[in-house]
Amino acid sequence: MGVPKKRTSHARKGKRRSHHALRPPSLSVCPKCKSHKLPHRICPNCGTYKGVQYIPLKVT
């Protein structure tokens, strides 16, 4: 099993982890109801995708 000979410094560790930051999800706008949704997915608010109704709206 490999064991490091020297301790990894804070700077080297930070350089290695510089690309590990989380990014906020990219959101697109639904053309029908103008709410935010994830791209290439059915709108959770109105249930449409590319102008086609996939999830029926609940009547209350």
PDB file of N, CA and C in Angstrom:
ATOM      1  N   MET A   1       0.841  -1.178   0.000  1.00  0.00           N
ATOM      2  CA  MET A   1       0.000   0.000   0.000  1.00  0.00           C
ATOM      3  C   MET A   1       0.883   1.237   0.000  1.00  0.00           C
ATOM      4  N   GLY A   2       0.581   2.170  -0.874  1.00  0.00           N
ATOM      5  CA  GLY A   2       1.401   3.366  -0.978  1.00  0.00           C
ATOM      6  C   GLY A   2       1.152   4.346   0.149  1.00  0.00           C
ATOM      7  N   VAL A   3       2.226   4.866   0.715  1.00  0.00           N
ATOM      8  CA  VAL A   3       2.139   5.848   1.789  1.00  0.00           C
ATOM      9  C   VAL A   3       2.943   7.060   1.367  1.00  0.00           C
ATOM     10  N   PRO A   4       2.395   8.291   1.492  1.00  0.00           N
ATOM     11  CA  PRO A   4       3.142   9.469   1.087  1.00  0.00           C
ATOM     12  C   PRO A   4       4.364   9.711   1.983  1.00  0.00           C
ATOM     13  N   LYS A   5       5.466  10.135   1.364  1.00  0.00           N
ATOM     14  CA  LYS A   5       6.684  10.403   2.132  1.00  0.00           C
ATOM     15  C   LYS A   5       6.610  11.729   2.857  1.00  0.00           C
ATOM     16  N   LYS A   6       5.976  12.716   2.222  1.00  0.00           N
ATOM     17  CA  LYS A   6       5.895  14.055   2.808  1.00  0.00           C
ATOM     18  C   LYS A   6       4.440  14.438   3.025  1.00  0.00           C
ATOM     19  N   ARG A   7       4.229  15.344   3.943  1.00  0.00           N
ATOM     20  CA  ARG A   7       2.892  15.854   4.208  1.00  0.00           C
ATOM     21  C   ARG A   7       2.462  16.787   3.083  1.00  0.00           C
ATOM     22  N   THR A   8       1.214  16.705   2.684  1.00  0.00           N
ATOM     23  CA  THR A   8       0.683  17.586   1.645  1.00  0.00           C
ATOM     24  C   THR A   8       0.368  18.939   2.270  1.00  0.00           C
ATOM     25  N   SER A   9       0.899  20.003   1.668  1.00  0.00           N
ATOM     26  CA  SER A   9       0.713  21.338   2.225  1.00  0.00           C
ATOM     27  C   SER A   9      -0.710  21.829   1.962  1.00  0.00           C
ATOM     28  N   HIS A  10      -1.099  22.882   2.691  1.00  0.00           N
ATOM     29  CA  HIS A  10      -2.432  23.462   2.519  1.00  0.00           C
ATOM     30  C   HIS A  10      -2.590  24.026   1.111  1.00  0.00           C
ATOM     31  N   ALA A  11      -1.538  24.641   0.572  1.00  0.00           N
ATOM     32  CA  ALA A  11      -1.617  25.237  -0.759  1.00  0.00           C
ATOM     33  C   ALA A  11      -1.784  24.175  -1.838  1.00  0.00           C
ATOM     34  N   ARG A  12      -1.033  23.106  -1.730  1.00  0.00           N
ATOM     35  CA  ARG A  12      -1.145  22.034  -2.735  1.00  0.00           C
ATOM     36  C   ARG A  12      -2.507  21.354  -2.652  1.00  0.00           C
ATOM     37  N   LYS A  13      -2.995  21.169  -1.444  1.00  0.00           N
ATOM     38  CA  LYS A  13      -4.303  20.573  -1.259  1.00  0.00           C
ATOM     39  C   LYS A  13      -5.396  21.482  -1.826  1.00  0.00           C
ATOM     40  N   GLY A  14      -5.247  22.793  -1.611  1.00  0.00           N
ATOM     41  CA  GLY A  14      -6.215  23.743  -2.139  1.00  0.00           C
ATOM     42  C   GLY A  14      -6.190  23.819  -3.655  1.00  0.00           C
ATOM     43  N   LYS A  15      -5.014  23.709  -4.255  1.00  0.00           N
ATOM     44  CA  LYS A  15      -4.915  23.709  -5.720  1.00  0.00           C
ATOM     45  C   LYS A  15      -5.599  22.483  -6.318  1.00  0.00           C
ATOM     46  N   ARG A  16      -5.441  21.357  -5.658  1.00  0.00           N
ATOM     47  CA  ARG A  16      -6.074  20.131  -6.151  1.00  0.00           C
ATOM     48  C   ARG A  16      -7.591  20.217  -6.043  1.00  0.00           C
ATOM     49  N   ARG A  17      -8.084  20.849  -4.985  1.00  0.00           N
ATOM     50  CA  ARG A  17      -9.528  20.913  -4.746  1.00  0.00           C
ATOM     51  C   ARG A  17     -10.173  22.163  -5.348  1.00  0.00           C
ATOM     52  N   SER A  18      -9.450  22.908  -6.158  1.00  0.00           N
ATOM     53  CA  SER A  18      -9.978  24.172  -6.668  1.00  0.00           C
ATOM     54  C   SER A  18     -11.163  23.981  -7.596  1.00  0.00           C
ATOM     55  N   HIS A  19     -11.330  22.814  -8.192  1.00  0.00           N
ATOM     56  CA  HIS A  19     -12.433  22.564  -9.119  1.00  0.00           C
ATOM     57  C   HIS A  19     -13.562  21.773  -8.475  1.00  0.00           C
ATOM     58  N   HIS A  20     -13.523  21.587  -7.169  1.00  0.00           N
ATOM     59  CA  HIS A  20     -14.525  20.774  -6.495  1.00  0.00           C
ATOM     60  C   HIS A  20     -15.715  21.577  -6.002  1.00  0.00           C
ATOM     61  N   ALA A  21     -15.749  22.881  -6.260  1.00  0.00           N
ATOM     62  CA  ALA A  21     -16.823  23.724  -5.747  1.00  0.00           C
ATOM     63  C   ALA A  21     -18.139  23.403  -6.431  1.00  0.00           C
ATOM     64  N   LEU A  22     -19.224  23.478  -5.677  1.00  0.00           N
ATOM     65  CA  LEU A  22     -20.552  23.246  -6.228  1.00  0.00           C
ATOM     66  C   LEU A  22     -21.033  24.492  -6.951  1.00  0.00           C
ATOM     67  N   ARG A  23     -21.696  24.287  -8.069  1.00  0.00           N
ATOM     68  CA  ARG A  23     -22.262  25.401  -8.831  1.00  0.00           C
ATOM     69  C   ARG A  23     -23.776  25.362  -8.713  1.00  0.00           C
ATOM     70  N   PRO A  24     -24.429  26.515  -8.733  1.00  0.00           N
ATOM     71  CA  PRO A  24     -25.895  26.484  -8.697  1.00  0.00           C
ATOM     72  C   PRO A  24     -26.435  25.888  -9.985  1.00  0.00           C
ATOM     73  N   PRO A  25     -27.585  25.208  -9.929  1.00  0.00           N
ATOM     74  CA  PRO A  25     -28.126  24.590 -11.142  1.00  0.00           C
ATOM     75  C   PRO A  25     -28.537  25.647 -12.155  1.00  0.00           C
ATOM     76  N   SER A  26     -28.311  25.358 -13.425  1.00  0.00           N
ATOM     77  CA  SER A  26     -28.722  26.283 -14.474  1.00  0.00           C
ATOM     78  C   SER A  26     -30.216  26.102 -14.688  1.00  0.00           C
ATOM     79  N   LEU A  27     -30.945  27.196 -14.644  1.00  0.00           N
ATOM     80  CA  LEU A  27     -32.390  27.152 -14.766  1.00  0.00           C
ATOM     81  C   LEU A  27     -32.818  27.823 -16.054  1.00  0.00           C
ATOM     82  N   SER A  28     -33.858  27.289 -16.669  1.00  0.00           N
ATOM     83  CA  SER A  28     -34.455  27.921 -17.836  1.00  0.00           C
ATOM     84  C   SER A  28     -35.879  28.333 -17.468  1.00  0.00           C
ATOM     85  N   VAL A  29     -36.493  29.141 -18.312  1.00  0.00           N
ATOM     86  CA  VAL A  29     -37.829  29.648 -18.054  1.00  0.00           C
ATOM     87  C   VAL A  29     -38.827  28.863 -18.881  1.00  0.00           C
ATOM     88  N   CYS A  30     -39.907  28.437 -18.257  1.00  0.00           N
ATOM     89  CA  CYS A  30     -40.968  27.721 -18.958  1.00  0.00           C
ATOM     90  C   CYS A  30     -41.677  28.698 -19.892  1.00  0.00           C
ATOM     91  N   PRO A  31     -41.830  28.354 -21.176  1.00  0.00           N
ATOM     92  CA  PRO A  31     -42.469  29.301 -22.092  1.00  0.00           C
ATOM     93  C   PRO A  31     -43.966  29.473 -21.834  1.00  0.00           C
ATOM     94  N   LYS A  32     -44.597  28.518 -21.161  1.00  0.00           N
ATOM     95  CA  LYS A  32     -46.034  28.607 -20.927  1.00  0.00           C
ATOM     96  C   LYS A  32     -46.369  29.388 -19.659  1.00  0.00           C
ATOM     97  N   CYS A  33     -45.771  28.983 -18.525  1.00  0.00           N
ATOM     98  CA  CYS A  33     -46.140  29.609 -17.247  1.00  0.00           C
ATOM     99  C   CYS A  33     -45.074  30.562 -16.713  1.00  0.00           C
ATOM    100  N   LYS A  34     -43.945  30.683 -17.397  1.00  0.00           N
ATOM    101  CA  LYS A  34     -42.859  31.611 -17.044  1.00  0.00           C
ATOM    102  C   LYS A  34     -42.218  31.320 -15.685  1.00  0.00           C
ATOM    103  N   SER A  35     -42.335  30.089 -15.186  1.00  0.00           N
ATOM    104  CA  SER A  35     -41.654  29.733 -13.947  1.00  0.00           C
ATOM    105  C   SER A  35     -40.307  29.096 -14.278  1.00  0.00           C
ATOM    106  N   HIS A  36     -39.425  29.043 -13.298  1.00  0.00           N
ATOM    107  CA  HIS A  36     -38.103  28.468 -13.497  1.00  0.00           C
ATOM    108  C   HIS A  36     -38.178  26.950 -13.434  1.00  0.00           C
ATOM    109  N   LYS A  37     -37.417  26.281 -14.316  1.00  0.00           N
ATOM    110  CA  LYS A  37     -37.374  24.827 -14.336  1.00  0.00           C
ATOM    111  C   LYS A  37     -35.995  24.400 -14.798  1.00  0.00           C
ATOM    112  N   LEU A  38     -35.658  23.133 -14.556  1.00  0.00           N
ATOM    113  CA  LEU A  38     -34.402  22.598 -15.056  1.00  0.00           C
ATOM    114  C   LEU A  38     -34.520  22.387 -16.558  1.00  0.00           C
ATOM    115  N   PRO A  39     -33.459  22.634 -17.316  1.00  0.00           N
ATOM    116  CA  PRO A  39     -33.555  22.470 -18.766  1.00  0.00           C
ATOM    117  C   PRO A  39     -33.778  21.013 -19.171  1.00  0.00           C
ATOM    118  N   HIS A  40     -34.508  20.811 -20.262  1.00  0.00           N
ATOM    119  CA  HIS A  40     -34.812  19.496 -20.841  1.00  0.00           C
ATOM    120  C   HIS A  40     -35.620  18.624 -19.898  1.00  0.00           C
ATOM    121  N   ARG A  41     -36.488  19.236 -19.108  1.00  0.00           N
ATOM    122  CA  ARG A  41     -37.342  18.493 -18.188  1.00  0.00           C
ATOM    123  C   ARG A  41     -38.744  19.076 -18.206  1.00  0.00           C
ATOM    124  N   ILE A  42     -39.702  18.273 -17.764  1.00  0.00           N
ATOM    125  CA  ILE A  42     -41.085  18.725 -17.682  1.00  0.00           C
ATOM    126  C   ILE A  42     -41.187  19.796 -16.605  1.00  0.00           C
ATOM    127  N   CYS A  43     -41.951  20.826 -16.887  1.00  0.00           N
ATOM    128  CA  CYS A  43     -42.150  21.911 -15.923  1.00  0.00           C
ATOM    129  C   CYS A  43     -42.949  21.376 -14.734  1.00  0.00           C
ATOM    130  N   PRO A  44     -42.435  21.512 -13.502  1.00  0.00           N
ATOM    131  CA  PRO A  44     -43.183  20.995 -12.351  1.00  0.00           C
ATOM    132  C   PRO A  44     -44.417  21.825 -12.026  1.00  0.00           C
ATOM    133  N   ASN A  45     -44.482  23.046 -12.543  1.00  0.00           N
ATOM    134  CA  ASN A  45     -45.610  23.916 -12.231  1.00  0.00           C
ATOM    135  C   ASN A  45     -46.814  23.636 -13.130  1.00  0.00           C
ATOM    136  N   CYS A  46     -46.591  23.560 -14.456  1.00  0.00           N
ATOM    137  CA  CYS A  46     -47.718  23.381 -15.376  1.00  0.00           C
ATOM    138  C   CYS A  46     -47.729  22.013 -16.056  1.00  0.00           C
ATOM    139  N   GLY A  47     -46.643  21.237 -15.990  1.00  0.00           N
ATOM    140  CA  GLY A  47     -46.627  19.878 -16.528  1.00  0.00           C
ATOM    141  C   GLY A  47     -46.423  19.788 -18.025  1.00  0.00           C
ATOM    142  N   THR A  48     -45.870  20.822 -18.661  1.00  0.00           N
ATOM    143  CA  THR A  48     -45.667  20.790 -20.108  1.00  0.00           C
ATOM    144  C   THR A  48     -44.183  20.691 -20.434  1.00  0.00           C
ATOM    145  N   TYR A  49     -43.904  20.166 -21.628  1.00  0.00           N
ATOM    146  CA  TYR A  49     -42.547  20.127 -22.157  1.00  0.00           C
ATOM    147  C   TYR A  49     -42.634  20.295 -23.662  1.00  0.00           C
ATOM    148  N   LYS A  50     -41.999  21.327 -24.183  1.00  0.00           N
ATOM    149  CA  LYS A  50     -42.014  21.670 -25.612  1.00  0.00           C
ATOM    150  C   LYS A  50     -43.443  21.804 -26.140  1.00  0.00           C
ATOM    151  N   GLY A  51     -44.304  22.422 -25.349  1.00  0.00           N
ATOM    152  CA  GLY A  51     -45.661  22.696 -25.773  1.00  0.00           C
ATOM    153  C   GLY A  51     -46.632  21.542 -25.646  1.00  0.00           C
ATOM    154  N   VAL A  52     -46.201  20.389 -25.146  1.00  0.00           N
ATOM    155  CA  VAL A  52     -47.071  19.223 -25.003  1.00  0.00           C
ATOM    156  C   VAL A  52     -47.360  19.009 -23.520  1.00  0.00           C
ATOM    157  N   GLN A  53     -48.630  18.802 -23.183  1.00  0.00           N
ATOM    158  CA  GLN A  53     -49.045  18.573 -21.799  1.00  0.00           C
ATOM    159  C   GLN A  53     -48.802  17.106 -21.445  1.00  0.00           C
ATOM    160  N   TYR A  54     -47.870  16.849 -20.515  1.00  0.00           N
ATOM    161  CA  TYR A  54     -47.539  15.482 -20.117  1.00  0.00           C
ATOM    162  C   TYR A  54     -48.166  15.108 -18.786  1.00  0.00           C
ATOM    163  N   ILE A  55     -48.261  16.036 -17.864  1.00  0.00           N
ATOM    164  CA  ILE A  55     -48.857  15.779 -16.565  1.00  0.00           C
ATOM    165  C   ILE A  55     -50.158  16.559 -16.495  1.00  0.00           C
ATOM    166  N   PRO A  56     -51.288  15.874 -16.297  1.00  0.00           N
ATOM    167  CA  PRO A  56     -52.552  16.619 -16.225  1.00  0.00           C
ATOM    168  C   PRO A  56     -52.606  17.508 -14.996  1.00  0.00           C
ATOM    169  N   LEU A  57     -53.198  18.687 -15.149  1.00  0.00           N
ATOM    170  CA  LEU A  57     -53.330  19.621 -14.034  1.00  0.00           C
ATOM    171  C   LEU A  57     -54.408  19.128 -13.084  1.00  0.00           C
ATOM    172  N   LYS A  58     -54.170  19.317 -11.781  1.00  0.00           N
ATOM    173  CA  LYS A  58     -55.154  18.921 -10.780  1.00  0.00           C
ATOM    174  C   LYS A  58     -56.215  20.001 -10.663  1.00  0.00           C
ATOM    175  N   VAL A  59     -57.459  19.599 -10.717  1.00  0.00           N
ATOM    176  CA  VAL A  59     -58.563  20.538 -10.567  1.00  0.00           C
ATOM    177  C   VAL A  59     -58.963  20.563  -9.111  1.00  0.00           C
ATOM    178  N   THR A  60     -58.854  21.763  -8.486  1.00  0.00           N
ATOM    179  CA  THR A  60     -59.217  21.874  -7.058  1.00  0.00           C
ATOM    180  C   THR A  60     -60.343  22.842  -6.884  1.00  0.00           C
TER     181      THR A  60
END
